[in-house]
């Protein structure tokens, strides 16, 4: 395994652990009905910002979208897979838009 693959694997593990801990932390404080939207809001925001900052040709944003969609599915009452597919479709169209029409910087 070369150095580039090792960095990618470390980055994926960091993303999985950080998103999971963040969801557990936010959902533990959102037991009041007034704050029940917070985990979903932050996961949608994180997915959007990650895909905007990431290189549009990279596929790591789909992994982040799938993971965030999975957590929103776990926290919601809709059929399992609905938000997962919604996040993946949103990411696909966002990357398509960014690749063809928008030229911004990326940190990748």
C-alpha atoms as a PDB file:
ATOM      1  CA  UNK A   1       0.000   0.000   0.000  1.00  0.00           C
ATOM      2  CA  UNK A   2       1.413   3.351  -0.966  1.00  0.00           C
ATOM      3  CA  UNK A   3       1.370   6.531   1.073  1.00  0.00           C
ATOM      4  CA  UNK A   4      -1.600   8.046  -0.797  1.00  0.00           C
ATOM      5  CA  UNK A   5      -3.848   5.084   0.040  1.00  0.00           C
ATOM      6  CA  UNK A   6      -2.788   5.151   3.695  1.00  0.00           C
ATOM      7  CA  UNK A   7      -3.727   8.832   3.949  1.00  0.00           C
ATOM      8  CA  UNK A   8      -7.089   8.172   2.300  1.00  0.00           C
ATOM      9  CA  UNK A   9      -7.870   5.313   4.701  1.00  0.00           C
ATOM     10  CA  UNK A  10      -6.915   7.434   7.710  1.00  0.00           C
ATOM     11  CA  UNK A  11      -9.096  10.280   6.441  1.00  0.00           C
ATOM     12  CA  UNK A  12     -12.079   7.932   5.957  1.00  0.00           C
ATOM     13  CA  UNK A  13     -11.708   6.497   9.469  1.00  0.00           C
ATOM     14  CA  UNK A  14     -11.457  10.001  10.901  1.00  0.00           C
ATOM     15  CA  UNK A  15     -14.623  11.041   9.058  1.00  0.00           C
ATOM     16  CA  UNK A  16     -16.567   7.984  10.252  1.00  0.00           C
ATOM     17  CA  UNK A  17     -15.539   8.397  13.877  1.00  0.00           C
ATOM     18  CA  UNK A  18     -16.038  12.165  13.962  1.00  0.00           C
ATOM     19  CA  UNK A  19     -19.485  12.069  12.330  1.00  0.00           C
ATOM     20  CA  UNK A  20     -20.612   9.228  14.591  1.00  0.00           C
ATOM     21  CA  UNK A  21     -19.447  10.961  17.760  1.00  0.00           C
ATOM     22  CA  UNK A  22     -20.985  14.223  16.607  1.00  0.00           C
ATOM     23  CA  UNK A  23     -24.350  12.549  15.962  1.00  0.00           C
ATOM     24  CA  UNK A  24     -24.301  10.860  19.356  1.00  0.00           C
ATOM     25  CA  UNK A  25     -23.410  14.122  21.080  1.00  0.00           C
ATOM     26  CA  UNK A  26     -26.005  16.245  19.299  1.00  0.00           C
ATOM     27  CA  UNK A  27     -28.787  13.661  19.553  1.00  0.00           C
ATOM     28  CA  UNK A  28     -28.193  13.267  23.281  1.00  0.00           C
ATOM     29  CA  UNK A  29     -28.901  16.990  23.750  1.00  0.00           C
ATOM     30  CA  UNK A  30     -31.834  17.122  21.345  1.00  0.00           C
ATOM     31  CA  UNK A  31     -34.384  15.183  23.387  1.00  0.00           C
ATOM     32  CA  UNK A  32     -36.542  18.293  23.705  1.00  0.00           C
ATOM     33  CA  UNK A  33     -38.961  18.621  20.765  1.00  0.00           C
ATOM     34  CA  UNK A  34     -37.732  22.151  20.157  1.00  0.00           C
ATOM     35  CA  UNK A  35     -34.207  20.920  19.339  1.00  0.00           C
ATOM     36  CA  UNK A  36     -35.031  17.652  17.566  1.00  0.00           C
ATOM     37  CA  UNK A  37     -34.089  19.074  14.145  1.00  0.00           C
ATOM     38  CA  UNK A  38     -30.463  19.804  15.123  1.00  0.00           C
ATOM     39  CA  UNK A  39     -28.829  16.474  14.177  1.00  0.00           C
ATOM     40  CA  UNK A  40     -30.479  16.462  10.760  1.00  0.00           C
ATOM     41  CA  UNK A  41     -29.641  20.122  10.137  1.00  0.00           C
ATOM     42  CA  UNK A  42     -25.965  19.689  11.020  1.00  0.00           C
ATOM     43  CA  UNK A  43     -25.616  16.524   8.931  1.00  0.00           C
ATOM     44  CA  UNK A  44     -27.125  18.220   5.872  1.00  0.00           C
ATOM     45  CA  UNK A  45     -24.885  21.236   6.422  1.00  0.00           C
ATOM     46  CA  UNK A  46     -21.795  19.036   6.863  1.00  0.00           C
ATOM     47  CA  UNK A  47     -22.586  17.103   3.676  1.00  0.00           C
ATOM     48  CA  UNK A  48     -23.069  20.291   1.684  1.00  0.00           C
ATOM     49  CA  UNK A  49     -19.911  21.990   2.969  1.00  0.00           C
ATOM     50  CA  UNK A  50     -17.759  18.890   2.553  1.00  0.00           C
ATOM     51  CA  UNK A  51     -18.834  18.465  -1.055  1.00  0.00           C
ATOM     52  CA  UNK A  52     -18.365  22.145  -1.888  1.00  0.00           C
ATOM     53  CA  UNK A  53     -14.834  22.230  -0.460  1.00  0.00           C
ATOM     54  CA  UNK A  54     -13.792  18.847  -1.869  1.00  0.00           C
ATOM     55  CA  UNK A  55     -12.487  18.394  -5.395  1.00  0.00           C
ATOM     56  CA  UNK A  56     -15.505  17.750  -7.681  1.00  0.00           C
ATOM     57  CA  UNK A  57     -13.734  14.815  -9.340  1.00  0.00           C
ATOM     58  CA  UNK A  58     -13.159  13.034  -6.035  1.00  0.00           C
ATOM     59  CA  UNK A  59     -15.612  10.400  -4.825  1.00  0.00           C
ATOM     60  CA  UNK A  60     -15.069  10.845  -1.105  1.00  0.00           C
ATOM     61  CA  UNK A  61     -18.079  13.156  -0.894  1.00  0.00           C
ATOM     62  CA  UNK A  62     -20.358  10.254  -1.822  1.00  0.00           C
ATOM     63  CA  UNK A  63     -19.035   8.325   1.155  1.00  0.00           C
ATOM     64  CA  UNK A  64     -19.719  11.271   3.456  1.00  0.00           C
ATOM     65  CA  UNK A  65     -23.195  11.708   1.978  1.00  0.00           C
ATOM     66  CA  UNK A  66     -23.949   8.013   2.450  1.00  0.00           C
ATOM     67  CA  UNK A  67     -22.765   8.072   6.049  1.00  0.00           C
ATOM     68  CA  UNK A  68     -24.743  11.216   6.892  1.00  0.00           C
ATOM     69  CA  UNK A  69     -27.805   9.839   5.117  1.00  0.00           C
ATOM     70  CA  UNK A  70     -27.491   6.632   7.121  1.00  0.00           C
ATOM     71  CA  UNK A  71     -27.445   8.562  10.398  1.00  0.00           C
ATOM     72  CA  UNK A  72     -30.431  10.670   9.393  1.00  0.00           C
ATOM     73  CA  UNK A  73     -32.261   7.428   8.509  1.00  0.00           C
ATOM     74  CA  UNK A  74     -31.463   6.031  11.945  1.00  0.00           C
ATOM     75  CA  UNK A  75     -32.777   9.185  13.647  1.00  0.00           C
ATOM     76  CA  UNK A  76     -35.931   9.563  11.532  1.00  0.00           C
ATOM     77  CA  UNK A  77     -39.212   7.688  11.180  1.00  0.00           C
ATOM     78  CA  UNK A  78     -39.293   7.368   7.379  1.00  0.00           C
ATOM     79  CA  UNK A  79     -38.474   4.040   5.671  1.00  0.00           C
ATOM     80  CA  UNK A  80     -34.817   3.064   5.918  1.00  0.00           C
ATOM     81  CA  UNK A  81     -32.819   4.184   2.910  1.00  0.00           C
ATOM     82  CA  UNK A  82     -34.915   7.221   2.012  1.00  0.00           C
ATOM     83  CA  UNK A  83     -32.476   9.829   3.321  1.00  0.00           C
ATOM     84  CA  UNK A  84     -29.481   7.768   2.239  1.00  0.00           C
ATOM     85  CA  UNK A  85     -30.680   7.922  -1.362  1.00  0.00           C
ATOM     86  CA  UNK A  86     -31.685  11.566  -0.967  1.00  0.00           C
ATOM     87  CA  UNK A  87     -28.225  12.546   0.266  1.00  0.00           C
ATOM     88  CA  UNK A  88     -26.503  10.553  -2.504  1.00  0.00           C
ATOM     89  CA  UNK A  89     -28.684  12.102  -5.232  1.00  0.00           C
ATOM     90  CA  UNK A  90     -28.114  15.565  -3.734  1.00  0.00           C
ATOM     91  CA  UNK A  91     -24.347  14.950  -3.758  1.00  0.00           C
ATOM     92  CA  UNK A  92     -24.425  13.684  -7.343  1.00  0.00           C
ATOM     93  CA  UNK A  93     -26.192  16.805  -8.614  1.00  0.00           C
ATOM     94  CA  UNK A  94     -24.043  19.097  -6.485  1.00  0.00           C
ATOM     95  CA  UNK A  95     -20.835  17.560  -7.858  1.00  0.00           C
ATOM     96  CA  UNK A  96     -22.208  17.728 -11.388  1.00  0.00           C
ATOM     97  CA  UNK A  97     -23.023  21.413 -10.917  1.00  0.00           C
ATOM     98  CA  UNK A  98     -19.643  22.172  -9.364  1.00  0.00           C
ATOM     99  CA  UNK A  99     -17.721  20.274 -12.036  1.00  0.00           C
ATOM    100  CA  UNK A 100     -19.415  21.901 -15.024  1.00  0.00           C
ATOM    101  CA  UNK A 101     -20.335  25.417 -13.971  1.00  0.00           C
ATOM    102  CA  UNK A 102     -18.487  26.559 -10.860  1.00  0.00           C
ATOM    103  CA  UNK A 103     -14.770  27.164 -10.448  1.00  0.00           C
ATOM    104  CA  UNK A 104     -13.811  27.477  -6.779  1.00  0.00           C
ATOM    105  CA  UNK A 105     -10.840  26.451  -4.718  1.00  0.00           C
ATOM    106  CA  UNK A 106     -10.575  23.058  -3.077  1.00  0.00           C
ATOM    107  CA  UNK A 107      -8.528  21.848  -0.140  1.00  0.00           C
ATOM    108  CA  UNK A 108      -7.878  18.396  -1.640  1.00  0.00           C
END
